[in-house]
Amino acid sequence: IAILFPDTSPRGAGIEGETDSWDFGVGAGF
């Protein structure tokens, strides 16, 4: 079986606030 491992969010969008907390924004695309 093949396994695909995507990332958890976009990175580098530069949206204000996207790196302010660990549970929202970068690394937290839901």
Full PDB file with SEQRES, HELIX, SHEET, SSBOND, CRYST1, ORIGX, SCALE, CONECT and MASTER records, all heavy atoms in Angstrom:
SEQRES   1 A   30  ILE ALA ILE LEU PHE PRO ASP THR SER PRO ARG GLY ALA          
SEQRES   2 A   30  GLY ILE GLU GLY GLU THR ASP SER TRP ASP PHE GLY VAL          
SEQRES   3 A   30  GLY ALA GLY PHE                                              
CRYST1    1.000    1.000    1.000  90.00  90.00  90.00 P 1           1          
ORIGX1      1.000000  0.000000  0.000000        0.00000                         
ORIGX2      0.000000  1.000000  0.000000        0.00000                         
ORIGX3      0.000000  0.000000  1.000000        0.00000                         
SCALE1      1.000000  0.000000  0.000000        0.00000                         
SCALE2      0.000000  1.000000  0.000000        0.00000                         
SCALE3      0.000000  0.000000  1.000000        0.00000                         
ATOM      1  N   ILE A   1       0.849  -1.196   0.000  1.00  0.00           N  
ATOM      2  CA  ILE A   1       0.000   0.000   0.000  1.00  0.00           C  
ATOM      3  C   ILE A   1       0.882   1.244   0.000  1.00  0.00           C  
ATOM      4  O   ILE A   1       1.850   1.338   0.756  1.00  0.00           O  
ATOM      5  CB  ILE A   1      -0.907   0.006   1.257  1.00  0.00           C  
ATOM      6  CG1 ILE A   1      -1.915  -1.146   1.184  1.00  0.00           C  
ATOM      7  CG2 ILE A   1      -1.636   1.337   1.424  1.00  0.00           C  
ATOM      8  CD1 ILE A   1      -2.685  -1.366   2.478  1.00  0.00           C  
ATOM      9  N   ALA A   2       0.544   2.215  -0.850  1.00  0.00           N  
ATOM     10  CA  ALA A   2       1.220   3.513  -0.844  1.00  0.00           C  
ATOM     11  C   ALA A   2       0.616   4.392   0.242  1.00  0.00           C  
ATOM     12  O   ALA A   2      -0.576   4.285   0.541  1.00  0.00           O  
ATOM     13  CB  ALA A   2       1.079   4.191  -2.197  1.00  0.00           C  
ATOM     14  N   ILE A   3       1.438   5.262   0.842  1.00  0.00           N  
ATOM     15  CA  ILE A   3       0.927   6.220   1.832  1.00  0.00           C  
ATOM     16  C   ILE A   3       1.313   7.638   1.417  1.00  0.00           C  
ATOM     17  O   ILE A   3       2.483   7.931   1.132  1.00  0.00           O  
ATOM     18  CB  ILE A   3       1.450   5.955   3.250  1.00  0.00           C  
ATOM     19  CG1 ILE A   3       1.224   4.511   3.670  1.00  0.00           C  
ATOM     20  CG2 ILE A   3       0.739   6.890   4.242  1.00  0.00           C  
ATOM     21  CD1 ILE A   3       1.618   4.228   5.118  1.00  0.00           C  
ATOM     22  N   LEU A   4       0.319   8.503   1.410  1.00  0.00           N  
ATOM     23  CA  LEU A   4       0.505   9.920   1.113  1.00  0.00           C  
ATOM     24  C   LEU A   4       0.469  10.708   2.423  1.00  0.00           C  
ATOM     25  O   LEU A   4      -0.456  10.549   3.220  1.00  0.00           O  
ATOM     26  CB  LEU A   4      -0.621  10.394   0.182  1.00  0.00           C  
ATOM     27  CG  LEU A   4      -0.740  11.895  -0.079  1.00  0.00           C  
ATOM     28  CD1 LEU A   4       0.489  12.426  -0.806  1.00  0.00           C  
ATOM     29  CD2 LEU A   4      -2.012  12.187  -0.880  1.00  0.00           C  
ATOM     30  N   PHE A   5       1.495  11.543   2.637  1.00  0.00           N  
ATOM     31  CA  PHE A   5       1.598  12.369   3.842  1.00  0.00           C  
ATOM     32  C   PHE A   5       1.566  13.840   3.433  1.00  0.00           C  
ATOM     33  O   PHE A   5       2.622  14.408   3.114  1.00  0.00           O  
ATOM     34  CB  PHE A   5       2.906  12.092   4.587  1.00  0.00           C  
ATOM     35  CG  PHE A   5       3.090  10.670   5.050  1.00  0.00           C  
ATOM     36  CD1 PHE A   5       3.745   9.740   4.250  1.00  0.00           C  
ATOM     37  CD2 PHE A   5       2.629  10.256   6.300  1.00  0.00           C  
ATOM     38  CE1 PHE A   5       3.947   8.431   4.682  1.00  0.00           C  
ATOM     39  CE2 PHE A   5       2.818   8.953   6.745  1.00  0.00           C  
ATOM     40  CZ  PHE A   5       3.476   8.038   5.928  1.00  0.00           C  
ATOM     41  N   PRO A   6       0.406  14.486   3.413  1.00  0.00           N  
ATOM     42  CA  PRO A   6       0.357  15.916   3.100  1.00  0.00           C  
ATOM     43  C   PRO A   6       0.795  16.761   4.297  1.00  0.00           C  
ATOM     44  O   PRO A   6       0.934  16.264   5.424  1.00  0.00           O  
ATOM     45  CB  PRO A   6      -1.127  16.176   2.802  1.00  0.00           C  
ATOM     46  CG  PRO A   6      -1.796  14.829   2.789  1.00  0.00           C  
ATOM     47  CD  PRO A   6      -0.933  13.925   3.597  1.00  0.00           C  
ATOM     48  N   ASP A   7       0.979  18.054   4.055  1.00  0.00           N  
ATOM     49  CA  ASP A   7       1.229  19.014   5.129  1.00  0.00           C  
ATOM     50  C   ASP A   7      -0.091  19.313   5.848  1.00  0.00           C  
ATOM     51  O   ASP A   7      -1.165  18.854   5.430  1.00  0.00           O  
ATOM     52  CB  ASP A   7       1.842  20.291   4.544  1.00  0.00           C  
ATOM     53  CG  ASP A   7       2.637  21.096   5.556  1.00  0.00           C  
ATOM     54  OD1 ASP A   7       2.525  20.831   6.773  1.00  0.00           O  
ATOM     55  OD2 ASP A   7       3.370  22.009   5.131  1.00  0.00           O  
ATOM     56  N   THR A   8      -0.020  20.102   6.926  1.00  0.00           N  
ATOM     57  CA  THR A   8      -1.204  20.372   7.745  1.00  0.00           C  
ATOM     58  C   THR A   8      -1.829  21.736   7.478  1.00  0.00           C  
ATOM     59  O   THR A   8      -2.874  22.057   8.038  1.00  0.00           O  
ATOM     60  CB  THR A   8      -0.848  20.293   9.242  1.00  0.00           C  
ATOM     61  OG1 THR A   8       0.255  21.172   9.495  1.00  0.00           O  
ATOM     62  CG2 THR A   8      -0.457  18.872   9.635  1.00  0.00           C  
ATOM     63  N   SER A   9      -1.191  22.548   6.639  1.00  0.00           N  
ATOM     64  CA  SER A   9      -1.725  23.874   6.312  1.00  0.00           C  
ATOM     65  C   SER A   9      -0.920  24.442   5.153  1.00  0.00           C  
ATOM     66  O   SER A   9       0.149  23.925   4.827  1.00  0.00           O  
ATOM     67  CB  SER A   9      -1.589  24.820   7.512  1.00  0.00           C  
ATOM     68  OG  SER A   9      -0.241  25.267   7.648  1.00  0.00           O  
ATOM     69  N   PRO A  10      -1.406  25.531   4.546  1.00  0.00           N  
ATOM     70  CA  PRO A  10      -0.523  26.284   3.648  1.00  0.00           C  
ATOM     71  C   PRO A  10       0.603  26.925   4.452  1.00  0.00           C  
ATOM     72  O   PRO A  10       0.482  27.108   5.671  1.00  0.00           O  
ATOM     73  CB  PRO A  10      -1.449  27.358   3.052  1.00  0.00           C  
ATOM     74  CG  PRO A  10      -2.629  27.430   3.938  1.00  0.00           C  
ATOM     75  CD  PRO A  10      -2.737  26.139   4.679  1.00  0.00           C  
ATOM     76  N   ARG A  11       1.699  27.244   3.786  1.00  0.00           N  
ATOM     77  CA  ARG A  11       2.816  27.916   4.445  1.00  0.00           C  
ATOM     78  C   ARG A  11       3.317  29.060   3.568  1.00  0.00           C  
ATOM     79  O   ARG A  11       3.459  28.904   2.359  1.00  0.00           O  
ATOM     80  CB  ARG A  11       3.960  26.928   4.712  1.00  0.00           C  
ATOM     81  CG  ARG A  11       3.538  25.867   5.734  1.00  0.00           C  
ATOM     82  CD  ARG A  11       4.612  24.883   6.114  1.00  0.00           C  
ATOM     83  NE  ARG A  11       3.996  23.806   6.882  1.00  0.00           N  
ATOM     84  CZ  ARG A  11       3.925  23.774   8.222  1.00  0.00           C  
ATOM     85  NH1 ARG A  11       4.436  24.758   8.927  1.00  0.00           N  
ATOM     86  NH2 ARG A  11       3.336  22.761   8.836  1.00  0.00           N  
ATOM     87  N   GLY A  12       3.549  30.197   4.218  1.00  0.00           N  
ATOM     88  CA  GLY A  12       4.096  31.345   3.497  1.00  0.00           C  
ATOM     89  C   GLY A  12       3.057  32.294   2.948  1.00  0.00           C  
ATOM     90  O   GLY A  12       3.393  33.167   2.147  1.00  0.00           O  
ATOM     91  N   ALA A  13       1.810  32.185   3.387  1.00  0.00           N  
ATOM     92  CA  ALA A  13       0.761  33.081   2.884  1.00  0.00           C  
ATOM     93  C   ALA A  13       0.964  34.511   3.376  1.00  0.00           C  
ATOM     94  O   ALA A  13       0.558  35.464   2.714  1.00  0.00           O  
ATOM     95  CB  ALA A  13      -0.617  32.571   3.314  1.00  0.00           C  
ATOM     96  N   GLY A  14       1.579  34.657   4.537  1.00  0.00           N  
ATOM     97  CA  GLY A  14       1.844  35.989   5.067  1.00  0.00           C  
ATOM     98  C   GLY A  14       0.606  36.705   5.583  1.00  0.00           C  
ATOM     99  O   GLY A  14       0.578  37.941   5.648  1.00  0.00           O  
ATOM    100  N   ILE A  15      -0.420  35.943   5.960  1.00  0.00           N  
ATOM    101  CA  ILE A  15      -1.647  36.547   6.479  1.00  0.00           C  
ATOM    102  C   ILE A  15      -1.413  36.994   7.922  1.00  0.00           C  
ATOM    103  O   ILE A  15      -0.843  36.262   8.724  1.00  0.00           O  
ATOM    104  CB  ILE A  15      -2.817  35.536   6.420  1.00  0.00           C  
ATOM    105  CG1 ILE A  15      -3.043  35.075   4.980  1.00  0.00           C  
ATOM    106  CG2 ILE A  15      -4.094  36.129   6.995  1.00  0.00           C  
ATOM    107  CD1 ILE A  15      -3.980  33.882   4.859  1.00  0.00           C  
ATOM    108  N   GLU A  16      -1.873  38.194   8.223  1.00  0.00           N  
ATOM    109  CA  GLU A  16      -1.703  38.722   9.576  1.00  0.00           C  
ATOM    110  C   GLU A  16      -2.333  37.767  10.599  1.00  0.00           C  
ATOM    111  O   GLU A  16      -3.485  37.363  10.457  1.00  0.00           O  
ATOM    112  CB  GLU A  16      -2.377  40.094   9.683  1.00  0.00           C  
ATOM    113  CG  GLU A  16      -2.191  40.752  11.036  1.00  0.00           C  
ATOM    114  CD  GLU A  16      -3.117  41.955  11.224  1.00  0.00           C  
ATOM    115  OE1 GLU A  16      -3.860  42.297  10.289  1.00  0.00           O  
ATOM    116  OE2 GLU A  16      -3.095  42.521  12.320  1.00  0.00           O  
ATOM    117  N   GLY A  17      -1.558  37.382  11.596  1.00  0.00           N  
ATOM    118  CA  GLY A  17      -2.061  36.533  12.668  1.00  0.00           C  
ATOM    119  C   GLY A  17      -1.900  35.046  12.447  1.00  0.00           C  
ATOM    120  O   GLY A  17      -2.185  34.256  13.351  1.00  0.00           O  
ATOM    121  N   GLU A  18      -1.407  34.628  11.278  1.00  0.00           N  
ATOM    122  CA  GLU A  18      -1.403  33.185  11.001  1.00  0.00           C  
ATOM    123  C   GLU A  18      -0.309  32.423  11.757  1.00  0.00           C  
ATOM    124  O   GLU A  18      -0.346  31.198  11.823  1.00  0.00           O  
ATOM    125  CB  GLU A  18      -1.306  32.892   9.493  1.00  0.00           C  
ATOM    126  CG  GLU A  18       0.033  33.152   8.865  1.00  0.00           C  
ATOM    127  CD  GLU A  18       0.145  32.625   7.436  1.00  0.00           C  
ATOM    128  OE1 GLU A  18      -0.748  31.896   6.982  1.00  0.00           O  
ATOM    129  OE2 GLU A  18       1.147  32.955   6.782  1.00  0.00           O  
ATOM    130  N   THR A  19       0.632  33.145  12.334  1.00  0.00           N  
ATOM    131  CA  THR A  19       1.664  32.473  13.138  1.00  0.00           C  
ATOM    132  C   THR A  19       1.603  32.879  14.619  1.00  0.00           C  
ATOM    133  O   THR A  19       2.534  32.632  15.376  1.00  0.00           O  
ATOM    134  CB  THR A  19       3.076  32.784  12.594  1.00  0.00           C  
ATOM    135  OG1 THR A  19       3.287  34.202  12.609  1.00  0.00           O  
ATOM    136  CG2 THR A  19       3.252  32.268  11.182  1.00  0.00           C  
ATOM    137  N   ASP A  20       0.497  33.472  15.030  1.00  0.00           N  
ATOM    138  CA  ASP A  20       0.394  33.963  16.411  1.00  0.00           C  
ATOM    139  C   ASP A  20       0.158  32.853  17.429  1.00  0.00           C  
ATOM    140  O   ASP A  20       0.516  33.001  18.601  1.00  0.00           O  
ATOM    141  CB  ASP A  20      -0.740  34.993  16.536  1.00  0.00           C  
ATOM    142  CG  ASP A  20      -0.389  36.321  15.881  1.00  0.00           C  
ATOM    143  OD1 ASP A  20       0.754  36.452  15.394  1.00  0.00           O  
ATOM    144  OD2 ASP A  20      -1.267  37.218  15.838  1.00  0.00           O  
ATOM    145  N   SER A  21      -0.481  31.762  17.015  1.00  0.00           N  
ATOM    146  CA  SER A  21      -0.770  30.683  17.971  1.00  0.00           C  
ATOM    147  C   SER A  21      -0.558  29.330  17.302  1.00  0.00           C  
ATOM    148  O   SER A  21      -0.631  29.208  16.081  1.00  0.00           O  
ATOM    149  CB  SER A  21      -2.199  30.796  18.507  1.00  0.00           C  
ATOM    150  OG  SER A  21      -3.140  30.779  17.463  1.00  0.00           O  
ATOM    151  N   TRP A  22      -0.304  28.327  18.123  1.00  0.00           N  
ATOM    152  CA  TRP A  22       0.030  26.998  17.592  1.00  0.00           C  
ATOM    153  C   TRP A  22      -1.201  26.229  17.126  1.00  0.00           C  
ATOM    154  O   TRP A  22      -1.087  25.264  16.382  1.00  0.00           O  
ATOM    155  CB  TRP A  22       0.787  26.182  18.639  1.00  0.00           C  
ATOM    156  CG  TRP A  22      -0.005  25.874  19.880  1.00  0.00           C  
ATOM    157  CD1 TRP A  22      -0.156  26.666  20.978  1.00  0.00           C  
ATOM    158  CD2 TRP A  22      -0.754  24.680  20.143  1.00  0.00           C  
ATOM    159  NE1 TRP A  22      -0.958  26.053  21.906  1.00  0.00           N  
ATOM    160  CE2 TRP A  22      -1.334  24.840  21.431  1.00  0.00           C  
ATOM    161  CE3 TRP A  22      -0.992  23.503  19.434  1.00  0.00           C  
ATOM    162  CZ2 TRP A  22      -2.137  23.860  22.009  1.00  0.00           C  
ATOM    163  CZ3 TRP A  22      -1.799  22.530  20.020  1.00  0.00           C  
ATOM    164  CH2 TRP A  22      -2.353  22.706  21.286  1.00  0.00           C  
ATOM    165  N   ASP A  23      -2.394  26.642  17.554  1.00  0.00           N  
ATOM    166  CA  ASP A  23      -3.606  25.880  17.229  1.00  0.00           C  
ATOM    167  C   ASP A  23      -4.519  26.592  16.233  1.00  0.00           C  
ATOM    168  O   ASP A  23      -5.694  26.265  16.103  1.00  0.00           O  
ATOM    169  CB  ASP A  23      -4.374  25.519  18.505  1.00  0.00           C  
ATOM    170  CG  ASP A  23      -4.736  26.732  19.354  1.00  0.00           C  
ATOM    171  OD1 ASP A  23      -4.373  27.872  18.970  1.00  0.00           O  
ATOM    172  OD2 ASP A  23      -5.369  26.546  20.420  1.00  0.00           O  
ATOM    173  N   PHE A  24      -3.960  27.575  15.516  1.00  0.00           N  
ATOM    174  CA  PHE A  24      -4.714  28.250  14.451  1.00  0.00           C  
ATOM    175  C   PHE A  24      -3.727  28.854  13.471  1.00  0.00           C  
ATOM    176  O   PHE A  24      -2.699  29.395  13.865  1.00  0.00           O  
ATOM    177  CB  PHE A  24      -5.613  29.347  15.041  1.00  0.00           C  
ATOM    178  CG  PHE A  24      -6.476  30.035  14.004  1.00  0.00           C  
ATOM    179  CD1 PHE A  24      -7.684  29.474  13.625  1.00  0.00           C  
ATOM    180  CD2 PHE A  24      -6.063  31.205  13.394  1.00  0.00           C  
ATOM    181  CE1 PHE A  24      -8.477  30.079  12.654  1.00  0.00           C  
ATOM    182  CE2 PHE A  24      -6.838  31.814  12.420  1.00  0.00           C  
ATOM    183  CZ  PHE A  24      -8.052  31.261  12.052  1.00  0.00           C  
ATOM    184  N   GLY A  25      -4.038  28.755  12.177  1.00  0.00           N  
ATOM    185  CA  GLY A  25      -3.146  29.311  11.161  1.00  0.00           C  
ATOM    186  C   GLY A  25      -2.131  28.273  10.697  1.00  0.00           C  
ATOM    187  O   GLY A  25      -2.474  27.118  10.431  1.00  0.00           O  
ATOM    188  N   VAL A  26      -0.865  28.667  10.611  1.00  0.00           N  
ATOM    189  CA  VAL A  26       0.179  27.771  10.099  1.00  0.00           C  
ATOM    190  C   VAL A  26       0.278  26.526  10.982  1.00  0.00           C  
ATOM    191  O   VAL A  26       0.338  26.612  12.203  1.00  0.00           O  
ATOM    192  CB  VAL A  26       1.528  28.502  10.036  1.00  0.00           C  
ATOM    193  CG1 VAL A  26       2.648  27.527   9.659  1.00  0.00           C  
ATOM    194  CG2 VAL A  26       1.476  29.642   9.026  1.00  0.00           C  
ATOM    195  N   GLY A  27       0.257  25.352  10.335  1.00  0.00           N  
ATOM    196  CA  GLY A  27       0.294  24.080  11.058  1.00  0.00           C  
ATOM    197  C   GLY A  27      -1.037  23.668  11.640  1.00  0.00           C  
ATOM    198  O   GLY A  27      -1.121  22.686  12.373  1.00  0.00           O  
ATOM    199  N   ALA A  28      -2.094  24.402  11.294  1.00  0.00           N  
ATOM    200  CA  ALA A  28      -3.410  24.150  11.893  1.00  0.00           C  
ATOM    201  C   ALA A  28      -4.539  24.442  10.906  1.00  0.00           C  
ATOM    202  O   ALA A  28      -5.493  25.141  11.222  1.00  0.00           O  
ATOM    203  CB  ALA A  28      -3.576  25.001  13.154  1.00  0.00           C  
ATOM    204  N   GLY A  29      -4.433  23.883   9.706  1.00  0.00           N  
ATOM    205  CA  GLY A  29      -5.404  24.183   8.646  1.00  0.00           C  
ATOM    206  C   GLY A  29      -6.761  23.542   8.807  1.00  0.00           C  
ATOM    207  O   GLY A  29      -7.715  23.884   8.108  1.00  0.00           O  
ATOM    208  N   PHE A  30      -6.882  22.560   9.699  1.00  0.00           N  
ATOM    209  CA  PHE A  30      -8.147  21.914  10.072  1.00  0.00           C  
ATOM    210  C   PHE A  30      -8.881  21.208   8.919  1.00  0.00           C  
ATOM    211  O   PHE A  30     -10.037  20.818   9.061  1.00  0.00           O  
ATOM    212  CB  PHE A  30      -9.090  22.893  10.792  1.00  0.00           C  
ATOM    213  CG  PHE A  30      -9.036  22.721  12.282  1.00  0.00           C  
ATOM    214  CD1 PHE A  30      -8.024  23.325  13.024  1.00  0.00           C  
ATOM    215  CD2 PHE A  30      -9.942  21.915  12.946  1.00  0.00           C  
ATOM    216  CE1 PHE A  30      -7.926  23.140  14.402  1.00  0.00           C  
ATOM    217  CE2 PHE A  30      -9.868  21.726  14.324  1.00  0.00           C  
ATOM    218  CZ  PHE A  30      -8.858  22.338  15.050  1.00  0.00           C  
TER     219      PHE A  30                                                      
MASTER        0    0    0    0    0    0    0    6  218    1    0    3          
END                                                                             
